[in-house]
């Protein structure tokens, strides 16, 4: 028990041992006899030795120094996975999937080029992976030679598990104003709600020798607008000019000094434009046939029903609202659009 307790200590700071009795700590005679009978292992003259299992921290710190293409087996918890990604190479249909792997020392992102091999392992399963390839971008590749084996469970700190999941399935960012997106750094993940002002016909472009569909939308929010490039399956999103759409999980790109958005794990769907309340100064109005048109100091115009305007001005008689409004102008009001 003494060994088990002290083996969990990571720092001597704050450690206090009370009523310590050395005579209560002893080794079983059979264990001591077995240890003394073991042949010593001298590594002083050896430059190579086998590692049975390694953790992610060792993989990242020493991976590129390993002899040969494959790493020693890696025991990890499968935190989550992406959707299967279909693509073509040399006109051959292929598929891949991203995995988030973690243990008590860290997490790493992996790309598996045979997704069917990992299908039987649910998220949260601990596996030993044999024949993984460590890459220069500090991720690992799993190929036809890679083999996962189920093993005893790992306990991973919640913080590391969350970071691992976010590396493959980051939380969807909340909708942002276009003006804020335009000042965001490149590669920032964003979501946006806007009205489709322009909608280009989908076209094909060459990407690594393969034709890939792309469609460009221009989304607007009041005076601001931004281009959104929809790639592959996203190019078929069922939206058109005039629709109010929500576009989630797009990445900020900078092209020839212009800020644009590009689809990744994007979702495009029709929605309602969220209401926005602003403080405006009403300077004059025009009495139309079916509504009242209000002119603001910033040249914005808003149409309101006469009955609603009378309700706001607390005027009951239909012909009295003009006299009341004339006396109040210019007037500051909270306008919801």
C-alpha atoms as a PDB file:
ATOM      1  CA  UNK A   1       0.000   0.000   0.000  1.00  0.00           C
ATOM      2  CA  UNK A   2       2.870   2.389   0.745  1.00  0.00           C
ATOM      3  CA  UNK A   3       4.250   1.974  -2.765  1.00  0.00           C
ATOM      4  CA  UNK A   4       0.851   2.367  -4.418  1.00  0.00           C
ATOM      5  CA  UNK A   5       0.109   5.554  -2.479  1.00  0.00           C
ATOM      6  CA  UNK A   6       3.472   7.241  -3.050  1.00  0.00           C
ATOM      7  CA  UNK A   7       3.677   6.176  -6.699  1.00  0.00           C
ATOM      8  CA  UNK A   8       0.780   8.544  -7.447  1.00  0.00           C
ATOM      9  CA  UNK A   9       2.677  11.566  -6.087  1.00  0.00           C
ATOM     10  CA  UNK A  10       3.880  13.918  -8.827  1.00  0.00           C
ATOM     11  CA  UNK A  11       5.523  16.539  -6.590  1.00  0.00           C
ATOM     12  CA  UNK A  12       7.080  16.566  -3.101  1.00  0.00           C
ATOM     13  CA  UNK A  13       5.574  20.011  -2.529  1.00  0.00           C
ATOM     14  CA  UNK A  14       2.709  19.691  -0.092  1.00  0.00           C
ATOM     15  CA  UNK A  15       3.443  16.011   0.676  1.00  0.00           C
ATOM     16  CA  UNK A  16       3.206  15.088   4.335  1.00  0.00           C
ATOM     17  CA  UNK A  17       3.705  11.575   5.750  1.00  0.00           C
ATOM     18  CA  UNK A  18       2.444  11.119   9.299  1.00  0.00           C
ATOM     19  CA  UNK A  19       3.214   8.305  11.800  1.00  0.00           C
ATOM     20  CA  UNK A  20       5.778   6.756   9.471  1.00  0.00           C
ATOM     21  CA  UNK A  21       6.842   3.265  10.616  1.00  0.00           C
ATOM     22  CA  UNK A  22       9.625   1.785   8.445  1.00  0.00           C
ATOM     23  CA  UNK A  23       9.190  -1.710   9.909  1.00  0.00           C
ATOM     24  CA  UNK A  24       5.722  -1.896   8.338  1.00  0.00           C
ATOM     25  CA  UNK A  25       7.179  -1.607   4.836  1.00  0.00           C
ATOM     26  CA  UNK A  26       8.742  -4.829   3.651  1.00  0.00           C
ATOM     27  CA  UNK A  27       9.081  -7.038   0.593  1.00  0.00           C
ATOM     28  CA  UNK A  28       7.554 -10.460   0.290  1.00  0.00           C
ATOM     29  CA  UNK A  29      10.315 -13.092   0.551  1.00  0.00           C
ATOM     30  CA  UNK A  30       9.213 -14.781  -2.696  1.00  0.00           C
ATOM     31  CA  UNK A  31       9.343 -11.502  -4.607  1.00  0.00           C
ATOM     32  CA  UNK A  32      12.781 -10.675  -3.239  1.00  0.00           C
ATOM     33  CA  UNK A  33      14.050 -14.158  -4.171  1.00  0.00           C
ATOM     34  CA  UNK A  34      12.657 -13.824  -7.703  1.00  0.00           C
ATOM     35  CA  UNK A  35      14.271 -10.413  -8.206  1.00  0.00           C
ATOM     36  CA  UNK A  36      17.700 -11.598  -7.092  1.00  0.00           C
ATOM     37  CA  UNK A  37      17.517 -14.618  -9.406  1.00  0.00           C
ATOM     38  CA  UNK A  38      16.836 -12.503 -12.527  1.00  0.00           C
ATOM     39  CA  UNK A  39      19.668 -12.018 -15.025  1.00  0.00           C
ATOM     40  CA  UNK A  40      20.713  -8.330 -15.040  1.00  0.00           C
ATOM     41  CA  UNK A  41      20.057  -6.464 -18.322  1.00  0.00           C
ATOM     42  CA  UNK A  42      23.088  -4.371 -19.286  1.00  0.00           C
ATOM     43  CA  UNK A  43      22.182  -1.667 -21.807  1.00  0.00           C
ATOM     44  CA  UNK A  44      25.439   0.277 -21.430  1.00  0.00           C
ATOM     45  CA  UNK A  45      26.943  -1.200 -24.620  1.00  0.00           C
ATOM     46  CA  UNK A  46      23.684  -1.315 -26.613  1.00  0.00           C
ATOM     47  CA  UNK A  47      22.453   1.448 -28.926  1.00  0.00           C
ATOM     48  CA  UNK A  48      19.148  -0.217 -29.845  1.00  0.00           C
ATOM     49  CA  UNK A  49      16.473  -1.881 -27.779  1.00  0.00           C
ATOM     50  CA  UNK A  50      12.798  -2.606 -28.270  1.00  0.00           C
ATOM     51  CA  UNK A  51       9.976  -0.630 -26.675  1.00  0.00           C
ATOM     52  CA  UNK A  52       6.967  -2.809 -25.960  1.00  0.00           C
ATOM     53  CA  UNK A  53       4.471   0.089 -25.833  1.00  0.00           C
ATOM     54  CA  UNK A  54       4.947   3.837 -25.955  1.00  0.00           C
ATOM     55  CA  UNK A  55       2.731   6.754 -25.006  1.00  0.00           C
ATOM     56  CA  UNK A  56       1.769   9.778 -27.084  1.00  0.00           C
ATOM     57  CA  UNK A  57       4.223  12.100 -25.342  1.00  0.00           C
ATOM     58  CA  UNK A  58       7.121   9.820 -26.305  1.00  0.00           C
ATOM     59  CA  UNK A  59       5.726   9.427 -29.818  1.00  0.00           C
ATOM     60  CA  UNK A  60       5.705  13.175 -30.415  1.00  0.00           C
ATOM     61  CA  UNK A  61       9.081  13.845 -28.771  1.00  0.00           C
ATOM     62  CA  UNK A  62      10.968  10.885 -30.298  1.00  0.00           C
ATOM     63  CA  UNK A  63       8.869   9.755 -33.235  1.00  0.00           C
ATOM     64  CA  UNK A  64      11.010  11.204 -36.007  1.00  0.00           C
ATOM     65  CA  UNK A  65      14.134   9.563 -34.543  1.00  0.00           C
ATOM     66  CA  UNK A  66      12.739   6.019 -34.863  1.00  0.00           C
ATOM     67  CA  UNK A  67      14.494   3.593 -37.197  1.00  0.00           C
ATOM     68  CA  UNK A  68      12.253   2.387 -40.049  1.00  0.00           C
ATOM     69  CA  UNK A  69       8.816   3.591 -41.160  1.00  0.00           C
ATOM     70  CA  UNK A  70       6.754   2.198 -38.303  1.00  0.00           C
ATOM     71  CA  UNK A  71       6.494   3.226 -34.663  1.00  0.00           C
ATOM     72  CA  UNK A  72       6.426   0.869 -31.682  1.00  0.00           C
ATOM     73  CA  UNK A  73       2.843  -0.126 -30.747  1.00  0.00           C
ATOM     74  CA  UNK A  74       0.765   2.675 -29.304  1.00  0.00           C
ATOM     75  CA  UNK A  75      -1.876   2.149 -26.603  1.00  0.00           C
ATOM     76  CA  UNK A  76      -4.532   4.855 -26.908  1.00  0.00           C
ATOM     77  CA  UNK A  77      -8.151   5.700 -26.261  1.00  0.00           C
ATOM     78  CA  UNK A  78     -10.219   6.385 -29.391  1.00  0.00           C
ATOM     79  CA  UNK A  79     -11.784   9.711 -28.373  1.00  0.00           C
ATOM     80  CA  UNK A  80     -13.797  10.443 -31.520  1.00  0.00           C
ATOM     81  CA  UNK A  81     -13.723  10.280 -35.311  1.00  0.00           C
ATOM     82  CA  UNK A  82     -14.774  12.408 -38.251  1.00  0.00           C
ATOM     83  CA  UNK A  83     -17.301  11.470 -40.892  1.00  0.00           C
ATOM     84  CA  UNK A  84     -15.878   9.322 -43.685  1.00  0.00           C
ATOM     85  CA  UNK A  85     -14.324  11.498 -46.397  1.00  0.00           C
ATOM     86  CA  UNK A  86     -14.590  10.213 -49.966  1.00  0.00           C
ATOM     87  CA  UNK A  87     -12.110  11.356 -52.599  1.00  0.00           C
ATOM     88  CA  UNK A  88     -10.439  10.268 -55.813  1.00  0.00           C
ATOM     89  CA  UNK A  89      -6.782   9.601 -56.575  1.00  0.00           C
ATOM     90  CA  UNK A  90      -5.662   8.618 -60.068  1.00  0.00           C
ATOM     91  CA  UNK A  91      -9.362   8.230 -60.939  1.00  0.00           C
ATOM     92  CA  UNK A  92      -9.788   5.625 -58.201  1.00  0.00           C
ATOM     93  CA  UNK A  93     -12.444   6.149 -55.499  1.00  0.00           C
ATOM     94  CA  UNK A  94     -10.903   6.191 -52.037  1.00  0.00           C
ATOM     95  CA  UNK A  95     -11.961   7.067 -48.497  1.00  0.00           C
ATOM     96  CA  UNK A  96     -10.347   8.229 -45.274  1.00  0.00           C
ATOM     97  CA  UNK A  97     -11.309   9.205 -41.756  1.00  0.00           C
ATOM     98  CA  UNK A  98      -9.741  11.389 -39.054  1.00  0.00           C
ATOM     99  CA  UNK A  99      -9.329   9.969 -35.551  1.00  0.00           C
ATOM    100  CA  UNK A 100      -8.597  11.652 -32.226  1.00  0.00           C
ATOM    101  CA  UNK A 101      -6.376   9.421 -30.085  1.00  0.00           C
ATOM    102  CA  UNK A 102      -5.323  10.149 -26.502  1.00  0.00           C
ATOM    103  CA  UNK A 103      -3.786   8.682 -23.362  1.00  0.00           C
ATOM    104  CA  UNK A 104      -2.786  10.070 -19.985  1.00  0.00           C
ATOM    105  CA  UNK A 105       0.215  11.880 -21.538  1.00  0.00           C
ATOM    106  CA  UNK A 106      -1.413  13.733 -24.446  1.00  0.00           C
ATOM    107  CA  UNK A 107      -3.405  13.430 -27.674  1.00  0.00           C
ATOM    108  CA  UNK A 108      -2.649  13.085 -31.370  1.00  0.00           C
ATOM    109  CA  UNK A 109      -4.667  13.342 -34.570  1.00  0.00           C
ATOM    110  CA  UNK A 110      -4.553  10.357 -36.919  1.00  0.00           C
ATOM    111  CA  UNK A 111      -5.625   9.749 -40.506  1.00  0.00           C
ATOM    112  CA  UNK A 112      -6.876   6.245 -41.313  1.00  0.00           C
ATOM    113  CA  UNK A 113      -6.924   5.377 -45.013  1.00  0.00           C
ATOM    114  CA  UNK A 114      -9.008   2.223 -44.499  1.00  0.00           C
ATOM    115  CA  UNK A 115     -11.944   3.451 -42.348  1.00  0.00           C
ATOM    116  CA  UNK A 116     -13.638   0.052 -42.354  1.00  0.00           C
ATOM    117  CA  UNK A 117     -10.856  -1.323 -40.121  1.00  0.00           C
ATOM    118  CA  UNK A 118     -11.836   1.001 -37.299  1.00  0.00           C
ATOM    119  CA  UNK A 119     -15.630   0.740 -37.650  1.00  0.00           C
ATOM    120  CA  UNK A 120     -15.986  -2.043 -35.089  1.00  0.00           C
ATOM    121  CA  UNK A 121     -14.267   0.036 -32.399  1.00  0.00           C
ATOM    122  CA  UNK A 122     -16.698   2.485 -30.773  1.00  0.00           C
ATOM    123  CA  UNK A 123     -15.630   5.896 -29.522  1.00  0.00           C
ATOM    124  CA  UNK A 124     -14.270   5.488 -25.996  1.00  0.00           C
ATOM    125  CA  UNK A 125     -12.634   2.123 -26.771  1.00  0.00           C
ATOM    126  CA  UNK A 126      -8.987   1.592 -25.811  1.00  0.00           C
ATOM    127  CA  UNK A 127      -6.875   0.007 -28.543  1.00  0.00           C
ATOM    128  CA  UNK A 128      -3.270  -0.930 -29.211  1.00  0.00           C
ATOM    129  CA  UNK A 129      -2.272   0.227 -32.694  1.00  0.00           C
ATOM    130  CA  UNK A 130       0.532  -1.558 -34.475  1.00  0.00           C
ATOM    131  CA  UNK A 131       2.391  -0.160 -37.507  1.00  0.00           C
ATOM    132  CA  UNK A 132       1.499   3.523 -37.266  1.00  0.00           C
ATOM    133  CA  UNK A 133       3.522   6.098 -39.206  1.00  0.00           C
ATOM    134  CA  UNK A 134       4.568   9.338 -37.500  1.00  0.00           C
ATOM    135  CA  UNK A 135       4.513  12.318 -39.871  1.00  0.00           C
ATOM    136  CA  UNK A 136       6.373  15.598 -39.894  1.00  0.00           C
ATOM    137  CA  UNK A 137       3.200  17.548 -38.980  1.00  0.00           C
ATOM    138  CA  UNK A 138       3.078  15.569 -35.709  1.00  0.00           C
ATOM    139  CA  UNK A 139       0.097  13.478 -36.747  1.00  0.00           C
ATOM    140  CA  UNK A 140       0.066   9.774 -37.524  1.00  0.00           C
ATOM    141  CA  UNK A 141      -1.046   7.859 -40.594  1.00  0.00           C
ATOM    142  CA  UNK A 142      -2.741   4.464 -40.423  1.00  0.00           C
ATOM    143  CA  UNK A 143      -2.563   2.359 -43.580  1.00  0.00           C
ATOM    144  CA  UNK A 144      -3.387  -1.145 -44.769  1.00  0.00           C
ATOM    145  CA  UNK A 145      -0.438  -2.376 -42.644  1.00  0.00           C
ATOM    146  CA  UNK A 146      -1.784  -0.766 -39.470  1.00  0.00           C
ATOM    147  CA  UNK A 147      -3.658  -3.056 -37.103  1.00  0.00           C
ATOM    148  CA  UNK A 148      -5.804  -2.047 -34.080  1.00  0.00           C
ATOM    149  CA  UNK A 149      -6.243  -4.488 -31.185  1.00  0.00           C
ATOM    150  CA  UNK A 150      -8.712  -4.100 -28.318  1.00  0.00           C
ATOM    151  CA  UNK A 151      -7.077  -3.984 -24.891  1.00  0.00           C
ATOM    152  CA  UNK A 152      -7.643  -2.973 -21.266  1.00  0.00           C
ATOM    153  CA  UNK A 153      -9.187   0.438 -20.658  1.00  0.00           C
ATOM    154  CA  UNK A 154      -7.204   3.652 -20.264  1.00  0.00           C
ATOM    155  CA  UNK A 155      -8.272   6.416 -17.889  1.00  0.00           C
ATOM    156  CA  UNK A 156      -7.707   9.788 -19.557  1.00  0.00           C
ATOM    157  CA  UNK A 157      -8.018  13.186 -17.823  1.00  0.00           C
ATOM    158  CA  UNK A 158     -11.182  14.999 -18.882  1.00  0.00           C
ATOM    159  CA  UNK A 159      -9.199  18.016 -20.107  1.00  0.00           C
ATOM    160  CA  UNK A 160      -7.120  15.906 -22.490  1.00  0.00           C
ATOM    161  CA  UNK A 161     -10.198  14.053 -23.707  1.00  0.00           C
ATOM    162  CA  UNK A 162     -11.931  17.349 -24.526  1.00  0.00           C
ATOM    163  CA  UNK A 163      -8.866  18.684 -26.356  1.00  0.00           C
ATOM    164  CA  UNK A 164      -8.608  15.457 -28.333  1.00  0.00           C
ATOM    165  CA  UNK A 165     -12.260  15.578 -29.408  1.00  0.00           C
ATOM    166  CA  UNK A 166     -11.965  19.249 -30.402  1.00  0.00           C
ATOM    167  CA  UNK A 167      -8.966  18.463 -32.626  1.00  0.00           C
ATOM    168  CA  UNK A 168     -11.248  16.423 -34.918  1.00  0.00           C
ATOM    169  CA  UNK A 169     -14.712  17.749 -34.096  1.00  0.00           C
ATOM    170  CA  UNK A 170     -14.261  21.303 -32.827  1.00  0.00           C
ATOM    171  CA  UNK A 171     -17.281  22.965 -31.256  1.00  0.00           C
ATOM    172  CA  UNK A 172     -19.377  24.908 -33.768  1.00  0.00           C
ATOM    173  CA  UNK A 173     -18.612  28.625 -33.363  1.00  0.00           C
ATOM    174  CA  UNK A 174     -21.603  30.936 -32.792  1.00  0.00           C
ATOM    175  CA  UNK A 175     -22.717  33.203 -35.672  1.00  0.00           C
ATOM    176  CA  UNK A 176     -20.523  36.261 -36.058  1.00  0.00           C
ATOM    177  CA  UNK A 177     -21.156  39.649 -37.707  1.00  0.00           C
ATOM    178  CA  UNK A 178     -19.524  39.864 -41.141  1.00  0.00           C
ATOM    179  CA  UNK A 179     -17.598  42.936 -40.001  1.00  0.00           C
ATOM    180  CA  UNK A 180     -16.007  40.850 -37.227  1.00  0.00           C
ATOM    181  CA  UNK A 181     -15.197  37.988 -39.610  1.00  0.00           C
ATOM    182  CA  UNK A 182     -13.450  40.389 -41.994  1.00  0.00           C
ATOM    183  CA  UNK A 183     -11.018  41.380 -39.230  1.00  0.00           C
ATOM    184  CA  UNK A 184     -10.446  37.785 -38.029  1.00  0.00           C
ATOM    185  CA  UNK A 185      -7.089  36.034 -38.607  1.00  0.00           C
ATOM    186  CA  UNK A 186      -6.753  33.538 -41.435  1.00  0.00           C
ATOM    187  CA  UNK A 187      -7.762  29.937 -40.573  1.00  0.00           C
ATOM    188  CA  UNK A 188     -10.234  31.114 -37.916  1.00  0.00           C
ATOM    189  CA  UNK A 189     -13.329  28.909 -37.765  1.00  0.00           C
ATOM    190  CA  UNK A 190     -16.551  30.915 -38.100  1.00  0.00           C
ATOM    191  CA  UNK A 191     -20.304  30.731 -38.589  1.00  0.00           C
ATOM    192  CA  UNK A 192     -22.428  33.394 -40.272  1.00  0.00           C
ATOM    193  CA  UNK A 193     -26.084  34.226 -40.975  1.00  0.00           C
ATOM    194  CA  UNK A 194     -26.878  36.387 -44.001  1.00  0.00           C
ATOM    195  CA  UNK A 195     -29.002  36.903 -47.091  1.00  0.00           C
ATOM    196  CA  UNK A 196     -27.760  35.370 -50.358  1.00  0.00           C
ATOM    197  CA  UNK A 197     -27.113  38.422 -52.547  1.00  0.00           C
ATOM    198  CA  UNK A 198     -25.313  36.548 -55.346  1.00  0.00           C
ATOM    199  CA  UNK A 199     -25.308  32.869 -56.268  1.00  0.00           C
ATOM    200  CA  UNK A 200     -22.871  31.572 -58.875  1.00  0.00           C
ATOM    201  CA  UNK A 201     -23.582  28.476 -60.936  1.00  0.00           C
ATOM    202  CA  UNK A 202     -21.492  25.528 -59.582  1.00  0.00           C
ATOM    203  CA  UNK A 203     -18.380  24.789 -61.632  1.00  0.00           C
ATOM    204  CA  UNK A 204     -15.558  22.235 -61.534  1.00  0.00           C
ATOM    205  CA  UNK A 205     -11.940  23.083 -60.779  1.00  0.00           C
ATOM    206  CA  UNK A 206      -8.859  20.862 -60.798  1.00  0.00           C
ATOM    207  CA  UNK A 207      -7.532  19.930 -57.349  1.00  0.00           C
ATOM    208  CA  UNK A 208      -4.518  17.585 -57.411  1.00  0.00           C
ATOM    209  CA  UNK A 209      -5.486  16.481 -60.888  1.00  0.00           C
ATOM    210  CA  UNK A 210      -9.127  15.762 -59.975  1.00  0.00           C
ATOM    211  CA  UNK A 211     -12.234  17.785 -60.867  1.00  0.00           C
ATOM    212  CA  UNK A 212     -13.912  19.158 -57.732  1.00  0.00           C
ATOM    213  CA  UNK A 213     -17.219  21.104 -57.735  1.00  0.00           C
ATOM    214  CA  UNK A 214     -17.244  24.591 -56.212  1.00  0.00           C
ATOM    215  CA  UNK A 215     -19.972  27.203 -55.836  1.00  0.00           C
ATOM    216  CA  UNK A 216     -19.575  30.775 -54.594  1.00  0.00           C
ATOM    217  CA  UNK A 217     -22.231  32.678 -52.645  1.00  0.00           C
ATOM    218  CA  UNK A 218     -22.155  36.301 -51.557  1.00  0.00           C
ATOM    219  CA  UNK A 219     -23.844  36.758 -48.171  1.00  0.00           C
ATOM    220  CA  UNK A 220     -24.972  40.139 -46.911  1.00  0.00           C
ATOM    221  CA  UNK A 221     -25.756  41.682 -43.533  1.00  0.00           C
ATOM    222  CA  UNK A 222     -27.038  45.255 -43.938  1.00  0.00           C
ATOM    223  CA  UNK A 223     -24.047  47.101 -45.470  1.00  0.00           C
ATOM    224  CA  UNK A 224     -21.532  44.234 -45.110  1.00  0.00           C
ATOM    225  CA  UNK A 225     -21.028  41.299 -47.459  1.00  0.00           C
ATOM    226  CA  UNK A 226     -18.625  38.368 -47.842  1.00  0.00           C
ATOM    227  CA  UNK A 227     -17.898  35.585 -50.334  1.00  0.00           C
ATOM    228  CA  UNK A 228     -18.456  31.990 -49.253  1.00  0.00           C
ATOM    229  CA  UNK A 229     -16.912  29.140 -51.294  1.00  0.00           C
ATOM    230  CA  UNK A 230     -18.821  25.877 -51.018  1.00  0.00           C
ATOM    231  CA  UNK A 231     -16.751  22.837 -52.013  1.00  0.00           C
ATOM    232  CA  UNK A 232     -17.678  19.304 -53.045  1.00  0.00           C
ATOM    233  CA  UNK A 233     -21.043  18.180 -51.611  1.00  0.00           C
ATOM    234  CA  UNK A 234     -21.634  21.626 -50.093  1.00  0.00           C
ATOM    235  CA  UNK A 235     -21.851  23.034 -53.636  1.00  0.00           C
ATOM    236  CA  UNK A 236     -25.287  21.359 -53.923  1.00  0.00           C
ATOM    237  CA  UNK A 237     -26.778  23.154 -50.910  1.00  0.00           C
ATOM    238  CA  UNK A 238     -30.507  23.852 -51.631  1.00  0.00           C
ATOM    239  CA  UNK A 239     -30.350  27.663 -51.299  1.00  0.00           C
ATOM    240  CA  UNK A 240     -30.760  30.493 -53.782  1.00  0.00           C
ATOM    241  CA  UNK A 241     -30.578  34.268 -54.112  1.00  0.00           C
ATOM    242  CA  UNK A 242     -32.808  36.030 -51.590  1.00  0.00           C
ATOM    243  CA  UNK A 243     -32.706  33.210 -49.048  1.00  0.00           C
ATOM    244  CA  UNK A 244     -31.574  33.917 -45.507  1.00  0.00           C
ATOM    245  CA  UNK A 245     -29.110  31.149 -44.691  1.00  0.00           C
ATOM    246  CA  UNK A 246     -27.022  29.973 -41.749  1.00  0.00           C
ATOM    247  CA  UNK A 247     -23.560  28.720 -42.716  1.00  0.00           C
ATOM    248  CA  UNK A 248     -21.665  26.988 -39.901  1.00  0.00           C
ATOM    249  CA  UNK A 249     -18.067  25.766 -39.596  1.00  0.00           C
ATOM    250  CA  UNK A 250     -16.426  27.717 -42.386  1.00  0.00           C
ATOM    251  CA  UNK A 251     -12.783  28.782 -42.320  1.00  0.00           C
ATOM    252  CA  UNK A 252     -11.518  32.325 -42.878  1.00  0.00           C
ATOM    253  CA  UNK A 253      -9.293  32.718 -45.957  1.00  0.00           C
ATOM    254  CA  UNK A 254      -7.406  35.715 -47.314  1.00  0.00           C
ATOM    255  CA  UNK A 255      -7.200  35.971 -51.112  1.00  0.00           C
ATOM    256  CA  UNK A 256      -5.607  38.980 -52.842  1.00  0.00           C
ATOM    257  CA  UNK A 257      -6.324  41.112 -49.791  1.00  0.00           C
ATOM    258  CA  UNK A 258      -9.989  40.063 -49.595  1.00  0.00           C
ATOM    259  CA  UNK A 259     -11.412  38.096 -46.667  1.00  0.00           C
ATOM    260  CA  UNK A 260     -13.479  35.104 -47.776  1.00  0.00           C
ATOM    261  CA  UNK A 261     -14.984  31.989 -46.209  1.00  0.00           C
ATOM    262  CA  UNK A 262     -14.413  28.404 -47.364  1.00  0.00           C
ATOM    263  CA  UNK A 263     -16.378  25.289 -46.448  1.00  0.00           C
ATOM    264  CA  UNK A 264     -14.853  22.473 -44.374  1.00  0.00           C
ATOM    265  CA  UNK A 265     -17.275  20.481 -42.187  1.00  0.00           C
ATOM    266  CA  UNK A 266     -19.830  23.038 -43.237  1.00  0.00           C
ATOM    267  CA  UNK A 267     -23.604  22.959 -42.876  1.00  0.00           C
ATOM    268  CA  UNK A 268     -25.739  25.283 -45.019  1.00  0.00           C
ATOM    269  CA  UNK A 269     -29.433  25.688 -44.272  1.00  0.00           C
ATOM    270  CA  UNK A 270     -32.222  28.223 -44.648  1.00  0.00           C
ATOM    271  CA  UNK A 271     -33.116  30.199 -41.540  1.00  0.00           C
ATOM    272  CA  UNK A 272     -34.657  33.446 -40.343  1.00  0.00           C
ATOM    273  CA  UNK A 273     -32.546  36.558 -39.986  1.00  0.00           C
ATOM    274  CA  UNK A 274     -32.146  37.192 -36.231  1.00  0.00           C
ATOM    275  CA  UNK A 275     -33.751  40.394 -35.008  1.00  0.00           C
ATOM    276  CA  UNK A 276     -31.422  43.214 -34.052  1.00  0.00           C
ATOM    277  CA  UNK A 277     -32.216  46.215 -31.883  1.00  0.00           C
ATOM    278  CA  UNK A 278     -30.410  49.496 -32.545  1.00  0.00           C
ATOM    279  CA  UNK A 279     -30.870  53.027 -31.238  1.00  0.00           C
ATOM    280  CA  UNK A 280     -31.830  55.273 -34.161  1.00  0.00           C
ATOM    281  CA  UNK A 281     -32.747  58.937 -34.573  1.00  0.00           C
ATOM    282  CA  UNK A 282     -35.973  59.468 -36.546  1.00  0.00           C
ATOM    283  CA  UNK A 283     -35.774  62.837 -38.340  1.00  0.00           C
ATOM    284  CA  UNK A 284     -38.841  62.780 -40.608  1.00  0.00           C
ATOM    285  CA  UNK A 285     -41.518  60.530 -42.132  1.00  0.00           C
ATOM    286  CA  UNK A 286     -43.716  60.016 -45.161  1.00  0.00           C
ATOM    287  CA  UNK A 287     -47.374  58.964 -44.908  1.00  0.00           C
ATOM    288  CA  UNK A 288     -47.884  56.289 -47.571  1.00  0.00           C
ATOM    289  CA  UNK A 289     -51.137  54.554 -48.468  1.00  0.00           C
ATOM    290  CA  UNK A 290     -50.725  51.424 -46.335  1.00  0.00           C
ATOM    291  CA  UNK A 291     -47.788  52.277 -44.078  1.00  0.00           C
ATOM    292  CA  UNK A 292     -45.628  55.023 -42.613  1.00  0.00           C
ATOM    293  CA  UNK A 293     -42.050  55.344 -43.912  1.00  0.00           C
ATOM    294  CA  UNK A 294     -39.617  56.632 -41.274  1.00  0.00           C
ATOM    295  CA  UNK A 295     -36.322  58.259 -42.284  1.00  0.00           C
ATOM    296  CA  UNK A 296     -33.353  57.941 -39.902  1.00  0.00           C
ATOM    297  CA  UNK A 297     -30.417  60.280 -39.477  1.00  0.00           C
ATOM    298  CA  UNK A 298     -28.148  57.627 -41.074  1.00  0.00           C
ATOM    299  CA  UNK A 299     -30.382  57.609 -44.249  1.00  0.00           C
ATOM    300  CA  UNK A 300     -31.907  54.241 -43.340  1.00  0.00           C
ATOM    301  CA  UNK A 301     -35.646  53.957 -43.934  1.00  0.00           C
ATOM    302  CA  UNK A 302     -38.123  51.712 -42.132  1.00  0.00           C
ATOM    303  CA  UNK A 303     -41.736  50.965 -42.983  1.00  0.00           C
ATOM    304  CA  UNK A 304     -44.241  50.556 -40.127  1.00  0.00           C
ATOM    305  CA  UNK A 305     -47.986  50.053 -39.968  1.00  0.00           C
ATOM    306  CA  UNK A 306     -49.982  53.111 -38.851  1.00  0.00           C
ATOM    307  CA  UNK A 307     -51.666  51.131 -36.084  1.00  0.00           C
ATOM    308  CA  UNK A 308     -48.301  50.079 -34.623  1.00  0.00           C
ATOM    309  CA  UNK A 309     -47.013  53.674 -34.755  1.00  0.00           C
ATOM    310  CA  UNK A 310     -50.146  54.949 -32.960  1.00  0.00           C
ATOM    311  CA  UNK A 311     -49.658  52.272 -30.316  1.00  0.00           C
ATOM    312  CA  UNK A 312     -46.063  53.363 -29.731  1.00  0.00           C
ATOM    313  CA  UNK A 313     -47.075  57.046 -29.571  1.00  0.00           C
ATOM    314  CA  UNK A 314     -50.039  56.123 -27.308  1.00  0.00           C
ATOM    315  CA  UNK A 315     -52.490  57.860 -29.640  1.00  0.00           C
ATOM    316  CA  UNK A 316     -56.004  56.422 -29.925  1.00  0.00           C
ATOM    317  CA  UNK A 317     -57.540  58.733 -32.545  1.00  0.00           C
ATOM    318  CA  UNK A 318     -56.402  57.833 -36.125  1.00  0.00           C
ATOM    319  CA  UNK A 319     -55.856  61.458 -37.247  1.00  0.00           C
ATOM    320  CA  UNK A 320     -53.943  62.656 -34.171  1.00  0.00           C
ATOM    321  CA  UNK A 321     -50.689  60.653 -34.541  1.00  0.00           C
ATOM    322  CA  UNK A 322     -49.158  63.088 -37.087  1.00  0.00           C
ATOM    323  CA  UNK A 323     -49.513  66.054 -34.714  1.00  0.00           C
ATOM    324  CA  UNK A 324     -47.929  64.080 -31.867  1.00  0.00           C
ATOM    325  CA  UNK A 325     -45.055  62.816 -34.020  1.00  0.00           C
ATOM    326  CA  UNK A 326     -44.397  66.295 -35.484  1.00  0.00           C
ATOM    327  CA  UNK A 327     -44.040  67.682 -31.967  1.00  0.00           C
ATOM    328  CA  UNK A 328     -41.539  64.954 -30.987  1.00  0.00           C
ATOM    329  CA  UNK A 329     -39.256  65.021 -34.053  1.00  0.00           C
ATOM    330  CA  UNK A 330     -36.375  64.484 -34.114  1.00  0.00           C
ATOM    331  CA  UNK A 331     -36.785  61.555 -31.719  1.00  0.00           C
ATOM    332  CA  UNK A 332     -34.470  58.707 -30.691  1.00  0.00           C
ATOM    333  CA  UNK A 333     -36.041  55.265 -30.652  1.00  0.00           C
ATOM    334  CA  UNK A 334     -34.985  51.633 -30.229  1.00  0.00           C
ATOM    335  CA  UNK A 335     -35.654  50.007 -33.629  1.00  0.00           C
ATOM    336  CA  UNK A 336     -35.833  46.237 -34.007  1.00  0.00           C
ATOM    337  CA  UNK A 337     -35.057  44.954 -37.510  1.00  0.00           C
END
